[in-house]
Amino acid sequence: MSGVYVTGELAVHLERAQELIYRHLTACALCATDRHCYERSLAEGLFARYGLLPRRTPGLTRRPPRSDWDA
């Protein structure tokens, strides 16, 4: 397995792609679709091109527990 050298410019592009993935994380309400949207697919493709994986945050897609105080 070989490593990937990430230049400063590529790091900026990957960070933007990561932010886009977070914004479009679940069924995309931003793009009014119930599937992965085109923008998210492009962002994931950037990571795939360099053999990298986007960062994951466990539990990020879970809804917060509903409290009895919310009406």
N, C-alpha and C. Protein backbone atom coordinates (compact mmCIF):
# COMPACT_ATOMS: atom_id res chain seq x y z
N MET A 1 0.85 -1.16 0.00
CA MET A 1 0.00 0.00 0.00
C MET A 1 0.90 1.23 0.00
N SER A 2 0.58 2.18 -0.83
CA SER A 2 1.39 3.39 -0.90
C SER A 2 0.66 4.54 -0.23
N GLY A 3 1.44 5.50 0.26
CA GLY A 3 0.86 6.67 0.91
C GLY A 3 0.48 7.73 -0.12
N VAL A 4 -0.28 8.69 0.33
CA VAL A 4 -0.70 9.79 -0.53
C VAL A 4 -0.12 11.07 0.03
N TYR A 5 0.61 11.80 -0.80
CA TYR A 5 1.14 13.08 -0.38
C TYR A 5 0.06 14.13 -0.63
N VAL A 6 -0.32 14.84 0.43
CA VAL A 6 -1.39 15.84 0.33
C VAL A 6 -0.76 17.22 0.39
N THR A 7 -0.87 17.96 -0.70
CA THR A 7 -0.34 19.32 -0.75
C THR A 7 -1.29 20.25 0.01
N GLY A 8 -0.85 21.46 0.23
CA GLY A 8 -1.69 22.44 0.92
C GLY A 8 -2.97 22.72 0.16
N GLU A 9 -2.87 22.83 -1.15
CA GLU A 9 -4.05 23.10 -1.98
C GLU A 9 -5.04 21.94 -1.93
N LEU A 10 -4.52 20.72 -2.00
CA LEU A 10 -5.40 19.55 -1.92
C LEU A 10 -6.04 19.47 -0.54
N ALA A 11 -5.30 19.80 0.50
CA ALA A 11 -5.86 19.77 1.86
C ALA A 11 -7.04 20.73 1.97
N VAL A 12 -6.95 21.89 1.34
CA VAL A 12 -8.05 22.86 1.35
C VAL A 12 -9.26 22.27 0.63
N HIS A 13 -9.05 21.64 -0.52
CA HIS A 13 -10.15 21.03 -1.27
C HIS A 13 -10.79 19.89 -0.47
N LEU A 14 -9.97 19.09 0.20
CA LEU A 14 -10.51 18.00 1.00
C LEU A 14 -11.30 18.53 2.19
N GLU A 15 -10.84 19.61 2.79
CA GLU A 15 -11.57 20.19 3.92
C GLU A 15 -12.93 20.74 3.46
N ARG A 16 -12.95 21.38 2.31
CA ARG A 16 -14.23 21.87 1.76
C ARG A 16 -15.16 20.70 1.43
N ALA A 17 -14.60 19.64 0.89
CA ALA A 17 -15.41 18.46 0.58
C ALA A 17 -15.96 17.85 1.86
N GLN A 18 -15.14 17.82 2.92
CA GLN A 18 -15.60 17.29 4.20
C GLN A 18 -16.76 18.12 4.75
N GLU A 19 -16.65 19.44 4.68
CA GLU A 19 -17.73 20.31 5.15
C GLU A 19 -19.01 20.07 4.34
N LEU A 20 -18.87 19.88 3.04
CA LEU A 20 -20.03 19.63 2.20
C LEU A 20 -20.69 18.30 2.58
N ILE A 21 -19.89 17.29 2.86
CA ILE A 21 -20.44 15.99 3.27
C ILE A 21 -21.21 16.15 4.57
N TYR A 22 -20.67 16.89 5.53
CA TYR A 22 -21.38 17.11 6.80
C TYR A 22 -22.70 17.84 6.58
N ARG A 23 -22.73 18.82 5.69
CA ARG A 23 -23.97 19.56 5.44
C ARG A 23 -25.02 18.69 4.76
N HIS A 24 -24.57 17.73 3.98
CA HIS A 24 -25.49 16.86 3.22
C HIS A 24 -25.43 15.44 3.78
N LEU A 25 -25.35 15.31 5.10
CA LEU A 25 -25.04 14.02 5.71
C LEU A 25 -26.14 12.99 5.59
N THR A 26 -27.34 13.34 5.88
CA THR A 26 -28.44 12.38 5.80
C THR A 26 -29.21 12.64 4.52
N ALA A 27 -30.37 12.05 4.40
CA ALA A 27 -31.20 12.32 3.23
C ALA A 27 -31.24 13.83 3.05
N CYS A 28 -30.91 14.28 1.91
CA CYS A 28 -30.55 15.68 1.72
C CYS A 28 -31.76 16.60 1.64
N ALA A 29 -32.05 17.25 2.76
CA ALA A 29 -33.12 18.24 2.79
C ALA A 29 -32.70 19.51 2.05
N LEU A 30 -31.39 19.76 2.00
CA LEU A 30 -30.90 20.94 1.27
C LEU A 30 -31.21 20.83 -0.21
N CYS A 31 -31.12 19.63 -0.74
CA CYS A 31 -31.34 19.42 -2.17
C CYS A 31 -32.70 18.80 -2.47
N ALA A 32 -33.52 18.66 -1.45
CA ALA A 32 -34.88 18.11 -1.59
C ALA A 32 -34.88 16.73 -2.24
N THR A 33 -34.05 15.84 -1.71
CA THR A 33 -34.03 14.47 -2.19
C THR A 33 -33.95 13.53 -0.99
N ASP A 34 -34.40 12.32 -1.17
CA ASP A 34 -34.34 11.35 -0.08
C ASP A 34 -33.13 10.42 -0.22
N ARG A 35 -32.26 10.72 -1.15
CA ARG A 35 -31.04 9.95 -1.37
C ARG A 35 -29.84 10.87 -1.27
N HIS A 36 -28.66 10.29 -1.46
CA HIS A 36 -27.45 11.12 -1.53
C HIS A 36 -27.58 12.04 -2.73
N CYS A 37 -27.23 13.28 -2.56
CA CYS A 37 -27.35 14.23 -3.65
C CYS A 37 -26.08 14.24 -4.52
N TYR A 38 -26.17 14.91 -5.61
CA TYR A 38 -25.07 14.99 -6.57
C TYR A 38 -23.86 15.67 -5.94
N GLU A 39 -24.07 16.73 -5.18
CA GLU A 39 -22.95 17.46 -4.56
C GLU A 39 -22.19 16.56 -3.59
N ARG A 40 -22.91 15.79 -2.79
CA ARG A 40 -22.25 14.88 -1.86
C ARG A 40 -21.48 13.81 -2.61
N SER A 41 -22.05 13.31 -3.68
CA SER A 41 -21.35 12.30 -4.48
C SER A 41 -20.05 12.84 -5.04
N LEU A 42 -20.04 14.09 -5.50
CA LEU A 42 -18.81 14.70 -6.00
C LEU A 42 -17.77 14.84 -4.89
N ALA A 43 -18.23 15.25 -3.71
CA ALA A 43 -17.31 15.41 -2.58
C ALA A 43 -16.70 14.07 -2.18
N GLU A 44 -17.52 13.03 -2.14
CA GLU A 44 -17.01 11.70 -1.80
C GLU A 44 -16.07 11.19 -2.89
N GLY A 45 -16.34 11.57 -4.13
CA GLY A 45 -15.48 11.18 -5.24
C GLY A 45 -14.08 11.77 -5.13
N LEU A 46 -13.98 12.98 -4.57
CA LEU A 46 -12.67 13.60 -4.38
C LEU A 46 -11.83 12.77 -3.42
N PHE A 47 -12.44 12.31 -2.34
CA PHE A 47 -11.72 11.45 -1.40
C PHE A 47 -11.34 10.13 -2.07
N ALA A 48 -12.25 9.55 -2.82
CA ALA A 48 -12.00 8.27 -3.48
C ALA A 48 -10.87 8.38 -4.50
N ARG A 49 -10.78 9.50 -5.18
CA ARG A 49 -9.75 9.70 -6.19
C ARG A 49 -8.35 9.53 -5.61
N TYR A 50 -8.18 9.96 -4.36
CA TYR A 50 -6.88 9.89 -3.72
C TYR A 50 -6.76 8.72 -2.74
N GLY A 51 -7.75 7.84 -2.73
CA GLY A 51 -7.70 6.67 -1.87
C GLY A 51 -7.83 7.02 -0.39
N LEU A 52 -8.52 8.10 -0.09
CA LEU A 52 -8.72 8.56 1.28
C LEU A 52 -10.17 8.38 1.69
N LEU A 53 -10.41 8.43 2.98
CA LEU A 53 -11.78 8.36 3.50
C LEU A 53 -12.11 9.67 4.20
N PRO A 54 -13.35 10.14 4.06
CA PRO A 54 -13.74 11.33 4.83
C PRO A 54 -13.80 10.99 6.31
N ARG A 55 -13.66 12.02 7.15
CA ARG A 55 -13.77 11.81 8.60
C ARG A 55 -15.20 11.43 8.95
N ARG A 56 -15.33 10.61 9.95
CA ARG A 56 -16.65 10.21 10.45
C ARG A 56 -16.76 10.64 11.90
N THR A 57 -17.94 11.07 12.29
CA THR A 57 -18.21 11.43 13.68
C THR A 57 -19.34 10.52 14.16
N PRO A 58 -19.03 9.54 15.01
CA PRO A 58 -20.05 8.61 15.48
C PRO A 58 -21.22 9.33 16.15
N GLY A 59 -22.43 8.92 15.80
CA GLY A 59 -23.63 9.47 16.40
C GLY A 59 -24.07 10.81 15.83
N LEU A 60 -23.38 11.30 14.82
CA LEU A 60 -23.71 12.62 14.28
C LEU A 60 -25.10 12.66 13.64
N THR A 61 -25.55 11.55 13.11
CA THR A 61 -26.85 11.54 12.44
C THR A 61 -28.00 11.18 13.38
N ARG A 62 -27.68 10.86 14.63
CA ARG A 62 -28.74 10.53 15.59
C ARG A 62 -29.43 11.80 16.06
N ARG A 63 -30.70 11.66 16.28
CA ARG A 63 -31.46 12.78 16.83
C ARG A 63 -31.18 12.90 18.32
N PRO A 64 -31.13 14.12 18.84
CA PRO A 64 -30.93 14.25 20.29
C PRO A 64 -32.14 13.70 21.03
N PRO A 65 -31.94 13.23 22.26
CA PRO A 65 -33.08 12.69 23.01
C PRO A 65 -34.13 13.77 23.26
N ARG A 66 -35.36 13.39 23.12
CA ARG A 66 -36.45 14.33 23.30
C ARG A 66 -36.74 14.48 24.79
N SER A 67 -36.77 15.69 25.25
CA SER A 67 -37.04 15.91 26.67
C SER A 67 -38.53 16.22 26.87
N ASP A 68 -38.99 16.04 28.06
CA ASP A 68 -40.40 16.32 28.38
C ASP A 68 -40.65 17.82 28.43
N TRP A 69 -39.58 18.62 28.44
CA TRP A 69 -39.74 20.07 28.52
C TRP A 69 -40.09 20.68 27.17
N ASP A 70 -39.75 19.98 26.07
CA ASP A 70 -40.09 20.50 24.75
C ASP A 70 -41.57 20.32 24.47
N ALA A 71 -42.14 21.32 23.89
CA ALA A 71 -43.57 21.22 23.58
C ALA A 71 -43.78 21.19 22.10
